[in-house]
N, C-alpha and C. Protein backbone atom coordinates (compact mmCIF):
# COMPACT_ATOMS: atom_id res chain seq x y z
N UNK A 1 81.27 129.28 116.46
CA UNK A 1 82.70 128.11 116.97
C UNK A 1 82.84 126.82 115.63
N UNK A 2 81.64 125.77 115.87
CA UNK A 2 81.58 124.58 115.38
C UNK A 2 81.48 125.42 113.38
N UNK A 3 80.20 126.10 113.42
CA UNK A 3 81.23 126.37 111.90
C UNK A 3 82.47 126.78 111.19
N UNK A 4 83.08 127.64 112.04
CA UNK A 4 84.46 127.58 111.54
C UNK A 4 85.51 126.44 112.01
N UNK A 5 85.36 125.73 112.57
CA UNK A 5 85.99 124.26 112.79
C UNK A 5 85.57 123.59 111.60
N UNK A 6 84.37 123.36 111.48
CA UNK A 6 83.99 122.86 109.75
C UNK A 6 84.29 123.29 108.70
N UNK A 7 84.74 124.48 108.33
CA UNK A 7 85.03 125.72 107.30
C UNK A 7 86.48 124.84 107.58
N UNK A 8 87.64 125.36 108.56
CA UNK A 8 88.33 125.26 108.13
C UNK A 8 89.17 123.46 108.48
N UNK A 9 88.21 122.28 108.92
CA UNK A 9 88.24 121.06 107.84
C UNK A 9 88.29 120.74 106.92
N UNK A 10 87.29 121.72 106.07
CA UNK A 10 86.94 121.43 105.01
C UNK A 10 88.01 121.95 103.75
N UNK A 11 88.21 123.53 104.42
CA UNK A 11 89.77 123.66 103.46
C UNK A 11 90.83 122.92 103.64
N UNK A 12 91.29 122.38 104.98
CA UNK A 12 92.47 121.43 105.07
C UNK A 12 92.19 120.01 104.29
N UNK A 13 91.04 119.70 103.94
CA UNK A 13 90.91 118.49 103.36
C UNK A 13 91.00 119.02 101.13
N UNK A 14 90.40 119.96 100.97
CA UNK A 14 90.71 120.16 99.96
C UNK A 14 91.75 120.34 99.36
N UNK A 15 92.57 121.11 100.70
CA UNK A 15 94.19 121.13 100.39
C UNK A 15 95.34 119.93 100.17
N UNK A 16 94.68 119.03 100.84
CA UNK A 16 95.12 117.46 101.39
C UNK A 16 94.60 116.90 99.32
N UNK A 17 94.00 117.31 99.08
CA UNK A 17 93.26 116.56 97.50
C UNK A 17 93.92 116.78 96.72
N UNK A 18 93.98 118.39 96.49
CA UNK A 18 94.75 119.07 95.82
C UNK A 18 95.94 119.00 95.46
N UNK A 19 97.22 118.49 96.87
CA UNK A 19 97.97 118.48 96.64
C UNK A 19 98.18 116.75 96.52
N UNK A 20 97.67 115.87 96.86
CA UNK A 20 97.67 114.61 96.18
C UNK A 20 97.59 114.17 95.12
N UNK A 21 96.53 114.87 94.63
CA UNK A 21 95.94 114.96 92.73
C UNK A 21 97.12 115.92 92.37
N UNK A 22 98.16 116.51 92.78
CA UNK A 22 99.59 116.84 92.06
C UNK A 22 100.28 115.92 91.89
N UNK A 23 100.50 115.61 92.92
CA UNK A 23 101.96 114.60 92.77
C UNK A 23 101.76 113.27 92.35
N UNK A 24 99.95 112.87 92.56
CA UNK A 24 99.20 111.71 91.39
C UNK A 24 99.56 112.01 89.59
N UNK A 25 99.32 113.51 89.68
CA UNK A 25 99.58 114.16 88.54
C UNK A 25 100.61 114.09 87.45
N UNK A 26 101.35 114.62 88.27
CA UNK A 26 102.82 114.73 87.86
C UNK A 26 103.43 113.61 88.20
N UNK A 27 103.08 112.69 88.56
CA UNK A 27 103.85 111.30 87.96
C UNK A 27 103.45 110.42 86.99
N UNK A 28 102.34 110.75 86.31
CA UNK A 28 101.18 110.65 85.66
C UNK A 28 102.11 110.58 84.17
N UNK A 29 101.50 111.98 84.41
CA UNK A 29 101.95 112.83 83.29
C UNK A 29 103.00 113.18 82.97
N UNK A 30 104.29 112.65 83.44
CA UNK A 30 105.63 113.37 83.63
C UNK A 30 106.27 112.57 82.51
N UNK A 31 107.30 114.38 81.90
CA UNK A 31 108.01 113.19 80.38
C UNK A 31 108.61 112.50 80.11
N UNK A 32 109.59 111.90 81.76
CA UNK A 32 110.62 111.20 81.62
C UNK A 32 109.98 110.00 81.68
N UNK A 33 110.23 108.57 80.85
CA UNK A 33 109.99 107.64 81.07
C UNK A 33 110.32 106.68 82.61
N UNK A 34 109.49 105.83 83.09
CA UNK A 34 110.26 104.95 84.68
C UNK A 34 110.97 104.21 84.35
N UNK A 35 112.31 104.21 85.16
CA UNK A 35 113.19 103.40 85.19
C UNK A 35 112.64 102.27 85.25
N UNK A 36 113.47 101.22 84.38
CA UNK A 36 113.05 99.90 84.57
C UNK A 36 114.16 98.82 84.37
N UNK A 37 114.24 97.76 85.05
CA UNK A 37 115.46 96.77 84.58
C UNK A 37 115.45 97.47 83.35
N UNK A 38 116.25 96.93 82.68
CA UNK A 38 116.67 96.61 80.71
C UNK A 38 116.60 98.30 80.10
N UNK A 39 115.93 98.91 81.11
CA UNK A 39 116.36 100.31 80.36
C UNK A 39 117.22 101.22 80.65
N UNK A 40 117.23 102.14 79.70
CA UNK A 40 118.75 103.15 79.54
C UNK A 40 118.23 103.87 81.55
N UNK A 41 119.34 103.83 82.05
CA UNK A 41 119.45 104.68 83.47
C UNK A 41 119.41 106.64 82.94
N UNK A 42 118.78 107.33 83.13
CA UNK A 42 118.39 108.89 83.50
C UNK A 42 119.50 109.41 83.53
N UNK A 43 119.76 109.96 82.67
CA UNK A 43 120.97 110.96 82.77
C UNK A 43 120.78 112.14 83.73
N UNK A 44 121.65 112.37 84.29
CA UNK A 44 122.05 113.69 85.39
C UNK A 44 124.22 114.02 85.54
N UNK A 45 123.37 115.35 85.79
CA UNK A 45 124.64 116.04 85.86
C UNK A 45 124.71 116.27 87.91
N UNK A 46 125.59 116.67 88.90
CA UNK A 46 125.33 116.87 89.82
C UNK A 46 126.63 117.57 90.94
N UNK A 47 126.38 118.20 91.72
CA UNK A 47 128.15 118.71 92.02
C UNK A 47 127.78 117.24 93.35
N UNK A 48 129.45 117.12 93.35
CA UNK A 48 129.45 116.51 94.74
C UNK A 48 130.05 117.71 95.80
N UNK A 49 130.27 116.09 97.26
CA UNK A 49 130.60 117.23 98.01
C UNK A 49 132.01 117.33 98.06
N UNK A 50 132.73 116.68 97.11
CA UNK A 50 134.00 116.82 96.73
C UNK A 50 134.40 117.92 95.70
N UNK A 51 133.59 118.93 95.46
CA UNK A 51 133.36 120.47 94.90
C UNK A 51 133.28 120.17 93.40
N UNK A 52 133.22 118.68 93.03
CA UNK A 52 132.97 118.92 92.13
C UNK A 52 131.68 117.85 91.08
N UNK A 53 131.49 118.76 89.59
CA UNK A 53 129.99 117.86 89.17
C UNK A 53 130.91 116.46 88.42
N UNK A 54 129.27 115.70 88.45
CA UNK A 54 129.69 114.48 88.25
C UNK A 54 128.62 114.09 87.34
N UNK A 55 128.99 113.61 85.91
CA UNK A 55 127.82 113.91 85.11
C UNK A 55 127.48 111.73 84.70
N UNK A 56 126.62 111.06 84.97
CA UNK A 56 126.53 109.82 85.19
C UNK A 56 127.01 109.33 83.41
N UNK A 57 127.19 110.12 82.16
CA UNK A 57 127.46 110.04 81.37
C UNK A 57 129.56 110.32 81.17
N UNK A 58 130.45 110.73 82.46
CA UNK A 58 131.03 110.49 82.74
C UNK A 58 131.48 109.19 82.87
N UNK A 59 130.68 107.97 83.38
CA UNK A 59 130.88 106.91 83.35
C UNK A 59 131.02 105.86 82.41
N UNK A 60 131.06 106.58 81.48
CA UNK A 60 130.23 105.57 80.33
C UNK A 60 131.12 103.94 80.04
N UNK A 61 130.96 103.36 79.53
CA UNK A 61 131.49 101.58 79.89
C UNK A 61 131.77 101.72 80.97
N UNK A 62 131.79 101.13 82.05
CA UNK A 62 131.94 100.89 83.74
C UNK A 62 130.58 100.88 84.09
N UNK A 63 130.06 100.01 84.54
CA UNK A 63 129.16 99.48 85.84
C UNK A 63 129.14 100.91 87.11
N UNK A 64 128.04 101.10 87.17
CA UNK A 64 127.73 102.11 88.22
C UNK A 64 126.70 101.71 89.30
N UNK A 65 126.66 101.81 90.58
CA UNK A 65 125.75 101.43 91.48
C UNK A 65 125.75 103.28 91.90
N UNK A 66 124.42 103.81 91.56
CA UNK A 66 123.63 104.82 91.94
C UNK A 66 122.97 104.25 93.01
N UNK A 67 122.95 105.42 94.16
CA UNK A 67 122.30 104.94 95.50
C UNK A 67 121.48 106.23 96.26
N UNK A 68 120.52 106.13 96.51
CA UNK A 68 119.72 107.02 96.74
C UNK A 68 119.40 106.62 98.48
N UNK A 69 119.88 107.96 99.27
CA UNK A 69 120.74 107.67 100.89
C UNK A 69 120.12 108.87 101.31
N UNK A 70 119.71 108.86 102.89
CA UNK A 70 119.95 110.36 103.79
C UNK A 70 120.28 109.93 105.28
N UNK A 71 120.89 110.90 105.49
CA UNK A 71 121.75 110.39 106.93
C UNK A 71 120.67 109.66 107.79
N UNK A 72 119.76 110.58 107.71
CA UNK A 72 118.26 110.17 108.58
C UNK A 72 117.57 108.83 109.02
N UNK A 73 117.98 108.18 107.82
CA UNK A 73 117.37 106.44 106.99
C UNK A 73 118.11 105.86 107.52
N UNK A 74 118.15 105.01 108.44
CA UNK A 74 118.50 104.31 109.12
C UNK A 74 119.23 102.89 108.53
N UNK A 75 118.20 102.39 107.55
CA UNK A 75 118.72 100.95 106.87
C UNK A 75 119.38 101.83 105.75
N UNK A 76 119.57 103.34 105.44
CA UNK A 76 120.78 103.66 104.38
C UNK A 76 122.61 103.68 105.37
N UNK A 77 122.32 104.48 106.79
CA UNK A 77 123.72 104.06 107.44
C UNK A 77 123.95 102.70 107.94
N UNK A 78 123.03 101.85 107.92
CA UNK A 78 123.20 100.90 108.12
C UNK A 78 124.28 99.69 106.55
N UNK A 79 123.40 100.62 105.53
CA UNK A 79 124.29 99.55 104.04
C UNK A 79 125.59 100.14 103.79
N UNK A 80 125.75 101.76 104.37
CA UNK A 80 127.05 101.94 103.73
C UNK A 80 128.50 101.63 103.53
N UNK A 81 128.66 100.64 105.26
CA UNK A 81 129.87 99.68 104.91
C UNK A 81 129.38 99.01 104.31
N UNK A 82 128.95 98.05 104.07
CA UNK A 82 129.19 97.17 102.75
C UNK A 82 129.15 97.80 101.19
N UNK A 83 128.71 98.91 101.39
CA UNK A 83 128.46 99.71 100.25
C UNK A 83 130.57 99.84 100.05
N UNK A 84 130.42 100.46 100.75
CA UNK A 84 131.98 100.90 100.76
C UNK A 84 132.91 99.89 100.11
N UNK A 85 132.95 98.65 100.94
CA UNK A 85 133.86 97.36 101.24
C UNK A 85 133.51 96.72 99.50
N UNK A 86 132.36 96.64 99.23
CA UNK A 86 132.18 95.76 98.12
C UNK A 86 133.18 97.32 96.69
N UNK A 87 132.95 98.24 97.09
CA UNK A 87 133.81 99.75 96.14
C UNK A 87 135.13 99.39 95.68
N UNK A 88 135.48 98.77 97.35
CA UNK A 88 137.15 99.32 97.24
C UNK A 88 137.57 98.07 96.77
N UNK A 89 136.53 96.78 96.64
CA UNK A 89 137.78 95.57 96.11
C UNK A 89 136.82 95.61 94.57
N UNK A 90 136.04 96.88 93.72
CA UNK A 90 135.47 96.21 92.65
C UNK A 90 135.67 97.40 91.90
N UNK A 91 136.44 98.76 92.66
CA UNK A 91 137.17 99.37 91.66
C UNK A 91 138.19 99.17 90.61
N UNK A 92 139.14 98.94 91.17
CA UNK A 92 139.97 98.21 89.67
C UNK A 92 139.05 97.76 88.51
N UNK A 93 138.30 96.92 89.15
CA UNK A 93 137.55 96.27 87.76
C UNK A 93 137.01 96.99 86.80
N UNK A 94 136.34 98.40 87.42
CA UNK A 94 135.12 99.35 86.51
C UNK A 94 133.90 99.87 87.58
N UNK A 95 134.44 99.38 88.86
CA UNK A 95 133.22 100.02 89.64
C UNK A 95 132.69 100.77 89.98
N UNK A 96 132.05 101.63 89.59
CA UNK A 96 132.19 103.46 89.89
C UNK A 96 130.87 103.30 90.84
N UNK A 97 130.88 104.04 91.95
CA UNK A 97 129.44 103.91 92.74
C UNK A 97 129.16 105.63 93.65
N UNK A 98 128.49 106.25 92.94
CA UNK A 98 127.81 107.11 93.38
C UNK A 98 126.87 107.03 94.30
N UNK A 99 126.69 108.08 95.57
CA UNK A 99 126.05 108.07 96.20
C UNK A 99 125.39 109.41 96.14
N UNK A 100 123.67 109.31 95.63
CA UNK A 100 122.91 110.54 95.87
C UNK A 100 122.01 110.74 96.86
N UNK A 101 122.75 111.80 97.60
CA UNK A 101 121.68 112.68 99.30
C UNK A 101 120.45 112.73 98.32
N UNK A 102 119.77 112.49 99.50
CA UNK A 102 118.45 113.46 99.61
C UNK A 102 118.08 114.85 100.03
N UNK A 103 118.97 115.42 99.40
CA UNK A 103 119.12 117.20 100.22
C UNK A 103 119.45 117.64 101.61
N UNK A 104 120.15 117.34 101.90
CA UNK A 104 121.12 117.48 103.07
C UNK A 104 121.87 118.10 102.76
N UNK A 105 122.46 119.14 103.86
CA UNK A 105 123.48 119.99 103.66
C UNK A 105 124.60 119.33 103.67
N UNK A 106 125.51 120.21 102.63
CA UNK A 106 126.73 120.13 102.04
C UNK A 106 127.53 119.65 103.81
N UNK A 107 127.15 120.55 105.02
CA UNK A 107 128.00 119.66 106.55
C UNK A 107 127.50 118.45 106.43
N UNK A 108 126.60 117.89 106.49
CA UNK A 108 125.71 116.44 107.00
C UNK A 108 126.15 115.89 106.05
N UNK A 109 126.52 116.14 104.52
CA UNK A 109 127.03 114.84 104.08
C UNK A 109 128.83 114.37 103.70
N UNK A 110 128.94 115.42 104.07
CA UNK A 110 130.89 115.54 104.14
C UNK A 110 130.79 114.79 105.78
N UNK A 111 130.30 115.24 106.76
CA UNK A 111 130.34 114.37 108.00
C UNK A 111 129.85 112.85 107.85
N UNK A 112 129.51 112.74 107.11
CA UNK A 112 128.46 111.45 107.00
C UNK A 112 129.97 111.10 106.24
N UNK A 113 130.35 111.18 105.12
CA UNK A 113 131.09 110.47 104.28
C UNK A 113 132.40 110.51 105.13
N UNK A 114 132.63 111.47 106.16
CA UNK A 114 134.18 111.06 106.78
C UNK A 114 133.73 109.95 108.06
N UNK A 115 132.19 110.42 109.09
CA UNK A 115 132.18 109.42 110.16
C UNK A 115 132.23 107.76 109.37
N UNK A 116 131.80 107.57 107.89
CA UNK A 116 131.72 105.67 107.08
C UNK A 116 132.88 105.24 106.70
N UNK A 117 134.03 106.34 106.67
CA UNK A 117 135.53 106.52 106.07
C UNK A 117 135.01 106.40 104.17
N UNK A 118 133.96 106.87 103.94
CA UNK A 118 133.48 106.41 101.68
C UNK A 118 134.14 107.21 101.53
N UNK A 119 134.64 106.25 100.43
CA UNK A 119 135.94 107.19 98.85
C UNK A 119 134.82 107.14 97.57
N UNK A 120 133.68 106.73 97.77
CA UNK A 120 133.62 107.07 96.49
C UNK A 120 132.22 108.44 96.95
N UNK A 121 132.40 108.73 95.57
CA UNK A 121 131.24 110.28 96.15
C UNK A 121 129.94 110.04 95.94
N UNK A 122 129.82 111.34 97.31
CA UNK A 122 128.74 111.81 97.51
C UNK A 122 127.93 113.09 97.06
N UNK A 123 126.75 112.93 96.47
CA UNK A 123 126.29 113.82 95.53
C UNK A 123 125.30 114.53 96.11
N UNK A 124 124.77 115.57 95.68
CA UNK A 124 123.49 116.20 96.25
C UNK A 124 123.00 116.22 95.25
N UNK A 125 121.08 116.00 95.34
CA UNK A 125 120.06 115.97 94.85
C UNK A 125 119.11 116.45 95.34
N UNK A 126 119.92 118.54 95.26
CA UNK A 126 119.23 119.17 95.73
C UNK A 126 118.54 119.72 95.06
N UNK A 127 117.08 119.68 95.68
CA UNK A 127 115.41 120.03 95.18
C UNK A 127 115.17 118.43 94.52
N UNK A 128 115.77 117.33 95.12
CA UNK A 128 115.73 116.37 95.18
C UNK A 128 115.25 115.52 93.27
N UNK A 129 115.34 116.15 92.43
CA UNK A 129 114.67 115.95 90.68
C UNK A 129 115.75 114.73 90.79
N UNK A 130 116.69 114.28 91.27
CA UNK A 130 116.82 113.15 90.36
C UNK A 130 116.08 111.85 91.18
N UNK A 131 115.68 111.80 92.11
CA UNK A 131 114.69 111.33 93.11
C UNK A 131 113.24 111.07 92.64
N UNK A 132 112.96 112.36 91.70
CA UNK A 132 111.45 111.83 91.19
C UNK A 132 111.74 111.58 90.00
N UNK A 133 112.59 111.45 89.15
CA UNK A 133 113.07 111.23 87.97
C UNK A 133 113.59 109.86 87.47
N UNK A 134 113.91 109.09 88.92
CA UNK A 134 114.42 107.86 88.92
C UNK A 134 113.01 107.37 89.99
N UNK A 135 111.88 108.47 89.86
CA UNK A 135 110.82 107.41 90.49
C UNK A 135 110.94 106.86 92.17
N UNK A 136 111.45 107.20 93.21
CA UNK A 136 112.73 106.31 93.75
C UNK A 136 111.48 107.03 95.28
N UNK A 137 110.51 106.32 95.96
CA UNK A 137 109.93 106.31 96.91
C UNK A 137 110.03 106.18 98.12
N UNK A 138 111.14 104.78 97.99
CA UNK A 138 111.66 104.33 99.74
C UNK A 138 113.25 104.34 99.34
N UNK A 139 113.39 104.40 100.88
CA UNK A 139 115.04 104.40 101.28
C UNK A 139 115.47 104.11 102.43
N UNK A 140 116.50 103.19 101.65
CA UNK A 140 117.19 103.23 100.66
C UNK A 140 116.88 102.59 99.26
N UNK A 141 117.43 103.27 97.78
CA UNK A 141 117.11 102.41 96.39
C UNK A 141 118.67 103.01 95.61
N UNK A 142 118.58 101.42 95.02
CA UNK A 142 120.03 101.72 94.43
C UNK A 142 119.40 101.16 93.29
N UNK A 143 120.10 101.28 92.39
CA UNK A 143 120.61 100.98 90.90
C UNK A 143 121.50 100.63 90.57
N UNK A 144 121.89 99.80 89.95
CA UNK A 144 122.85 98.89 89.50
C UNK A 144 123.17 98.85 87.45
N UNK A 145 123.92 99.67 87.36
CA UNK A 145 123.83 100.24 85.78
C UNK A 145 125.01 99.30 85.00
N UNK A 146 124.36 98.34 84.08
CA UNK A 146 125.80 98.16 83.34
C UNK A 146 126.56 98.67 82.08
N UNK A 147 127.44 98.33 81.95
CA UNK A 147 128.63 99.11 81.16
C UNK A 147 127.80 99.82 79.92
N UNK A 148 126.83 99.13 79.63
CA UNK A 148 125.73 99.93 78.19
C UNK A 148 125.60 100.85 78.93
N UNK A 149 124.72 101.11 79.93
CA UNK A 149 123.84 102.46 80.66
C UNK A 149 122.52 102.13 80.45
N UNK A 150 122.60 100.70 80.54
CA UNK A 150 121.20 100.01 80.83
C UNK A 150 121.22 99.88 82.13
N UNK A 151 119.93 99.64 83.12
CA UNK A 151 119.67 99.50 84.17
C UNK A 151 119.50 98.19 84.58
N UNK A 152 119.90 97.36 85.44
CA UNK A 152 121.06 95.77 85.13
C UNK A 152 119.64 95.42 86.29
N UNK A 153 119.33 96.09 87.91
CA UNK A 153 119.18 95.81 88.95
C UNK A 153 118.65 96.81 89.77
N UNK A 154 117.07 96.82 90.10
CA UNK A 154 116.97 97.84 91.34
C UNK A 154 116.84 97.55 92.79
N UNK A 155 117.35 97.98 93.80
CA UNK A 155 116.81 97.67 94.71
C UNK A 155 116.58 98.13 95.39
N UNK A 156 114.96 97.87 96.03
CA UNK A 156 115.00 98.98 97.73
C UNK A 156 115.08 98.15 99.22
N UNK A 157 115.26 99.43 99.00
CA UNK A 157 115.43 98.52 100.78
C UNK A 157 117.25 98.71 101.12
N UNK A 158 117.45 98.71 102.60
CA UNK A 158 118.66 98.53 103.15
C UNK A 158 119.46 96.73 102.15
N UNK A 159 120.35 96.47 101.45
CA UNK A 159 121.16 95.40 100.76
C UNK A 159 122.01 95.13 101.35
N UNK A 160 122.43 93.18 101.69
CA UNK A 160 123.79 93.21 102.14
C UNK A 160 124.93 93.13 102.03
N UNK A 161 125.74 93.01 102.28
CA UNK A 161 126.90 93.03 101.47
C UNK A 161 127.34 91.72 100.15
N UNK A 162 126.62 90.68 100.75
CA UNK A 162 126.38 89.67 100.11
C UNK A 162 125.91 89.68 98.54
N UNK A 163 124.31 90.12 98.65
CA UNK A 163 123.24 90.97 97.48
C UNK A 163 123.85 91.79 96.90
N UNK A 164 125.30 92.80 97.59
CA UNK A 164 125.55 93.59 96.75
C UNK A 164 127.06 92.74 96.31
N UNK A 165 127.39 92.23 96.39
CA UNK A 165 128.95 91.23 96.13
C UNK A 165 128.17 90.24 94.77
N UNK A 166 126.87 89.45 94.83
CA UNK A 166 126.56 88.89 94.19
C UNK A 166 125.99 89.86 92.56
N UNK A 167 125.82 90.09 93.04
CA UNK A 167 124.84 91.49 92.13
C UNK A 167 126.21 92.36 91.08
N UNK A 168 126.97 92.58 91.72
CA UNK A 168 128.59 93.19 90.63
C UNK A 168 129.12 92.17 90.44
N UNK A 169 129.05 91.02 90.91
CA UNK A 169 129.72 90.30 90.24
C UNK A 169 129.14 89.50 88.49
N UNK A 170 128.23 89.36 88.72
CA UNK A 170 126.93 89.02 87.66
C UNK A 170 127.91 89.89 86.32
N UNK A 171 127.03 91.06 86.88
CA UNK A 171 127.25 92.53 86.41
C UNK A 171 128.51 91.71 85.15
N UNK A 172 129.33 92.82 86.49
CA UNK A 172 130.96 93.34 85.96
C UNK A 172 131.24 91.50 85.48
N UNK A 173 131.39 90.86 85.03
CA UNK A 173 131.25 89.38 84.22
C UNK A 173 130.74 89.44 83.37
N UNK A 174 130.17 90.16 82.92
CA UNK A 174 129.14 89.93 81.66
C UNK A 174 129.97 90.58 80.26
């Protein structure tokens, strides 16, 4: 009995090492550059809860706030009213908000959008490809992208309305 337990522990340990090694290796040797402030935002096209495809390139010459979120994430749903409020305030000045959901069902995403009165596009990051491409490891994470397509600001964690307004004011007035 003791030998079998030891074998199982060794197998589990090896599996954890292999999975961890693969995860670290795929990040280190990814062909995609790590998104940083000042770098060009990685392109994407994702299906929205509205049934339309949304491409980052559709919003060229506009300021874009890309927010990675999940309905299960407390800081994510706590910041949504502030994001919606700032979107309503600035959309006529060229602001686009794209909420990239982290692989939840369409029903969950649509219900979340209705519950919080969200009017900006909610996109499905199926298989978490954009999360990986943007190197998002904590939720929520937001990317403020300038009219030139470059990342102006990256914010990890919950945003206050004052922070969103201050950041957008600086970017939109450039």
